[in-house]
Amino acid sequence: MQTINISDFRANLLKYLEIANAGEQISVTSNGKLLATITPPENQRELARKQLKAIASNAKINDVTTPIESEWDALS
């Protein structure tokens, strides 16, 4: 992870955003205090696949046996 000063970040914004987009985290500081951490964007497809795998590990196929036209006790 790179640590840069806010003035350097302002002067080279596009450069640091490209570095973050390539996968590196960047910490932005002012007078030695952390202001922000720039992180790479999440791969939305990979995140969705991980979430679906987690759901699939608990899912049961054919676990609903009542037709949808039937009245449910909970709705009465």
N, C-alpha and C. Protein backbone atom coordinates (compact mmCIF):
# COMPACT_ATOMS: atom_id res chain seq x y z
N MET A 1 0.85 -1.17 0.00
CA MET A 1 0.00 0.00 0.00
C MET A 1 0.90 1.24 0.00
N GLN A 2 0.59 2.15 -0.90
CA GLN A 2 1.31 3.42 -0.97
C GLN A 2 0.69 4.43 -0.03
N THR A 3 1.51 5.29 0.53
CA THR A 3 1.03 6.41 1.33
C THR A 3 1.53 7.69 0.67
N ILE A 4 0.59 8.59 0.36
CA ILE A 4 0.96 9.83 -0.31
C ILE A 4 0.32 11.01 0.40
N ASN A 5 0.92 12.19 0.22
CA ASN A 5 0.40 13.41 0.79
C ASN A 5 -0.73 13.95 -0.09
N ILE A 6 -1.67 14.65 0.51
CA ILE A 6 -2.83 15.17 -0.20
C ILE A 6 -2.42 16.08 -1.36
N SER A 7 -1.39 16.89 -1.19
CA SER A 7 -0.97 17.79 -2.27
C SER A 7 -0.45 17.00 -3.46
N ASP A 8 0.29 15.91 -3.22
CA ASP A 8 0.75 15.05 -4.30
C ASP A 8 -0.43 14.35 -4.96
N PHE A 9 -1.39 13.94 -4.15
CA PHE A 9 -2.59 13.29 -4.68
C PHE A 9 -3.36 14.24 -5.61
N ARG A 10 -3.54 15.48 -5.17
CA ARG A 10 -4.24 16.47 -6.00
C ARG A 10 -3.51 16.72 -7.31
N ALA A 11 -2.20 16.84 -7.23
CA ALA A 11 -1.40 17.15 -8.42
C ALA A 11 -1.36 16.00 -9.43
N ASN A 12 -1.52 14.78 -8.94
CA ASN A 12 -1.39 13.59 -9.81
C ASN A 12 -2.60 12.67 -9.68
N LEU A 13 -3.77 13.24 -9.59
CA LEU A 13 -4.99 12.48 -9.34
C LEU A 13 -5.18 11.32 -10.31
N LEU A 14 -5.09 11.58 -11.60
CA LEU A 14 -5.32 10.53 -12.59
C LEU A 14 -4.32 9.39 -12.43
N LYS A 15 -3.07 9.73 -12.18
CA LYS A 15 -2.03 8.71 -12.00
C LYS A 15 -2.38 7.77 -10.84
N TYR A 16 -2.79 8.36 -9.70
CA TYR A 16 -3.09 7.54 -8.54
C TYR A 16 -4.39 6.75 -8.70
N LEU A 17 -5.34 7.30 -9.41
CA LEU A 17 -6.57 6.54 -9.68
C LEU A 17 -6.29 5.35 -10.59
N GLU A 18 -5.39 5.53 -11.54
CA GLU A 18 -5.00 4.40 -12.41
C GLU A 18 -4.26 3.33 -11.61
N ILE A 19 -3.42 3.76 -10.66
CA ILE A 19 -2.72 2.79 -9.79
C ILE A 19 -3.74 2.01 -8.96
N ALA A 20 -4.72 2.70 -8.41
CA ALA A 20 -5.76 2.03 -7.62
C ALA A 20 -6.57 1.09 -8.50
N ASN A 21 -6.88 1.52 -9.70
CA ASN A 21 -7.65 0.67 -10.62
C ASN A 21 -6.88 -0.58 -10.98
N ALA A 22 -5.56 -0.52 -10.96
CA ALA A 22 -4.72 -1.68 -11.25
C ALA A 22 -4.64 -2.65 -10.08
N GLY A 23 -5.18 -2.25 -8.90
CA GLY A 23 -5.25 -3.19 -7.79
C GLY A 23 -4.53 -2.79 -6.53
N GLU A 24 -3.89 -1.63 -6.50
CA GLU A 24 -3.15 -1.24 -5.30
C GLU A 24 -3.95 -0.24 -4.44
N GLN A 25 -3.88 -0.41 -3.14
CA GLN A 25 -4.51 0.54 -2.22
C GLN A 25 -3.58 1.72 -2.01
N ILE A 26 -4.18 2.90 -1.85
CA ILE A 26 -3.41 4.12 -1.64
C ILE A 26 -3.97 4.84 -0.42
N SER A 27 -3.10 5.20 0.52
CA SER A 27 -3.50 5.99 1.68
C SER A 27 -3.13 7.44 1.41
N VAL A 28 -4.08 8.34 1.63
CA VAL A 28 -3.86 9.77 1.43
C VAL A 28 -3.78 10.42 2.81
N THR A 29 -2.70 11.17 3.04
CA THR A 29 -2.49 11.79 4.35
C THR A 29 -2.36 13.31 4.23
N SER A 30 -2.57 13.97 5.34
CA SER A 30 -2.33 15.41 5.45
C SER A 30 -1.68 15.64 6.81
N ASN A 31 -0.49 16.21 6.79
CA ASN A 31 0.28 16.42 8.02
C ASN A 31 0.44 15.14 8.83
N GLY A 32 0.61 14.03 8.13
CA GLY A 32 0.82 12.74 8.79
C GLY A 32 -0.43 12.03 9.26
N LYS A 33 -1.60 12.68 9.11
CA LYS A 33 -2.86 12.05 9.53
C LYS A 33 -3.56 11.44 8.32
N LEU A 34 -4.05 10.24 8.48
CA LEU A 34 -4.75 9.55 7.41
C LEU A 34 -6.08 10.25 7.11
N LEU A 35 -6.27 10.62 5.86
CA LEU A 35 -7.53 11.24 5.43
C LEU A 35 -8.45 10.25 4.73
N ALA A 36 -7.85 9.41 3.89
CA ALA A 36 -8.67 8.48 3.10
C ALA A 36 -7.81 7.33 2.61
N THR A 37 -8.49 6.25 2.28
CA THR A 37 -7.84 5.11 1.64
C THR A 37 -8.57 4.86 0.33
N ILE A 38 -7.82 4.91 -0.76
CA ILE A 38 -8.38 4.65 -2.08
C ILE A 38 -8.15 3.17 -2.37
N THR A 39 -9.23 2.45 -2.65
CA THR A 39 -9.12 1.01 -2.90
C THR A 39 -9.54 0.69 -4.33
N PRO A 40 -9.06 -0.42 -4.85
CA PRO A 40 -9.46 -0.82 -6.20
C PRO A 40 -10.96 -1.13 -6.24
N PRO A 41 -11.58 -0.95 -7.40
CA PRO A 41 -13.00 -1.28 -7.51
C PRO A 41 -13.20 -2.79 -7.38
N GLU A 42 -14.34 -3.18 -6.83
CA GLU A 42 -14.66 -4.60 -6.68
C GLU A 42 -15.11 -5.16 -8.02
N ASN A 43 -14.72 -6.37 -8.28
CA ASN A 43 -15.19 -7.06 -9.47
C ASN A 43 -16.61 -7.54 -9.17
N GLN A 44 -17.60 -6.87 -9.72
CA GLN A 44 -19.00 -7.15 -9.41
C GLN A 44 -19.41 -8.58 -9.77
N ARG A 45 -18.89 -9.09 -10.86
CA ARG A 45 -19.24 -10.46 -11.25
C ARG A 45 -18.69 -11.47 -10.25
N GLU A 46 -17.44 -11.28 -9.86
CA GLU A 46 -16.83 -12.20 -8.90
C GLU A 46 -17.53 -12.11 -7.55
N LEU A 47 -17.89 -10.92 -7.12
CA LEU A 47 -18.61 -10.74 -5.87
C LEU A 47 -19.97 -11.44 -5.93
N ALA A 48 -20.68 -11.30 -7.05
CA ALA A 48 -21.97 -11.96 -7.21
C ALA A 48 -21.82 -13.48 -7.18
N ARG A 49 -20.77 -14.00 -7.81
CA ARG A 49 -20.55 -15.45 -7.81
C ARG A 49 -20.29 -15.97 -6.39
N LYS A 50 -19.51 -15.23 -5.62
CA LYS A 50 -19.24 -15.63 -4.24
C LYS A 50 -20.52 -15.64 -3.41
N GLN A 51 -21.36 -14.62 -3.61
CA GLN A 51 -22.62 -14.56 -2.87
C GLN A 51 -23.55 -15.70 -3.27
N LEU A 52 -23.62 -16.02 -4.56
CA LEU A 52 -24.46 -17.13 -5.01
C LEU A 52 -23.95 -18.47 -4.48
N LYS A 53 -22.64 -18.64 -4.42
CA LYS A 53 -22.09 -19.88 -3.86
C LYS A 53 -22.46 -20.01 -2.39
N ALA A 54 -22.44 -18.91 -1.65
CA ALA A 54 -22.81 -18.94 -0.24
C ALA A 54 -24.29 -19.30 -0.08
N ILE A 55 -25.13 -18.75 -0.92
CA ILE A 55 -26.57 -19.06 -0.88
C ILE A 55 -26.79 -20.52 -1.27
N ALA A 56 -26.08 -20.97 -2.31
CA ALA A 56 -26.26 -22.33 -2.79
C ALA A 56 -25.84 -23.37 -1.75
N SER A 57 -24.93 -23.02 -0.87
CA SER A 57 -24.48 -23.99 0.14
C SER A 57 -25.59 -24.29 1.16
N ASN A 58 -26.57 -23.37 1.31
CA ASN A 58 -27.67 -23.58 2.25
C ASN A 58 -29.01 -23.87 1.58
N ALA A 59 -29.07 -23.73 0.26
CA ALA A 59 -30.34 -23.88 -0.45
C ALA A 59 -30.74 -25.36 -0.56
N LYS A 60 -32.04 -25.57 -0.56
CA LYS A 60 -32.57 -26.92 -0.74
C LYS A 60 -33.44 -26.92 -1.99
N ILE A 61 -33.18 -27.87 -2.85
CA ILE A 61 -33.97 -28.00 -4.07
C ILE A 61 -35.29 -28.68 -3.73
N ASN A 62 -36.37 -28.18 -4.29
CA ASN A 62 -37.72 -28.72 -4.10
C ASN A 62 -38.16 -28.66 -2.64
N ASP A 63 -37.80 -27.61 -1.91
CA ASP A 63 -38.20 -27.53 -0.52
C ASP A 63 -39.60 -26.93 -0.35
N VAL A 64 -40.19 -26.40 -1.41
CA VAL A 64 -41.54 -25.87 -1.34
C VAL A 64 -42.46 -26.89 -2.00
N THR A 65 -43.41 -27.40 -1.24
CA THR A 65 -44.28 -28.45 -1.77
C THR A 65 -45.73 -28.02 -1.91
N THR A 66 -46.11 -26.89 -1.35
CA THR A 66 -47.49 -26.43 -1.41
C THR A 66 -47.68 -25.58 -2.65
N PRO A 67 -48.74 -25.84 -3.45
CA PRO A 67 -49.01 -25.00 -4.62
C PRO A 67 -49.27 -23.56 -4.18
N ILE A 68 -48.95 -22.60 -5.03
CA ILE A 68 -49.10 -21.21 -4.64
C ILE A 68 -50.54 -20.77 -4.55
N GLU A 69 -51.46 -21.53 -5.14
CA GLU A 69 -52.88 -21.17 -5.07
C GLU A 69 -53.47 -21.51 -3.70
N SER A 70 -52.81 -22.34 -2.91
CA SER A 70 -53.33 -22.76 -1.61
C SER A 70 -53.24 -21.61 -0.60
N GLU A 71 -54.19 -21.59 0.34
CA GLU A 71 -54.16 -20.60 1.43
C GLU A 71 -53.12 -21.02 2.46
N TRP A 72 -52.38 -20.09 2.96
CA TRP A 72 -51.39 -20.36 3.98
C TRP A 72 -51.96 -20.00 5.33
N ASP A 73 -51.66 -20.78 6.34
CA ASP A 73 -52.14 -20.51 7.70
C ASP A 73 -51.66 -19.14 8.19
N ALA A 74 -50.46 -18.76 7.81
CA ALA A 74 -49.90 -17.50 8.28
C ALA A 74 -50.65 -16.29 7.73
N LEU A 75 -51.32 -16.46 6.60
CA LEU A 75 -52.06 -15.35 5.98
C LEU A 75 -53.49 -15.26 6.49
N SER A 76 -53.94 -16.21 7.27
CA SER A 76 -55.33 -16.21 7.75
C SER A 76 -55.49 -15.33 8.95
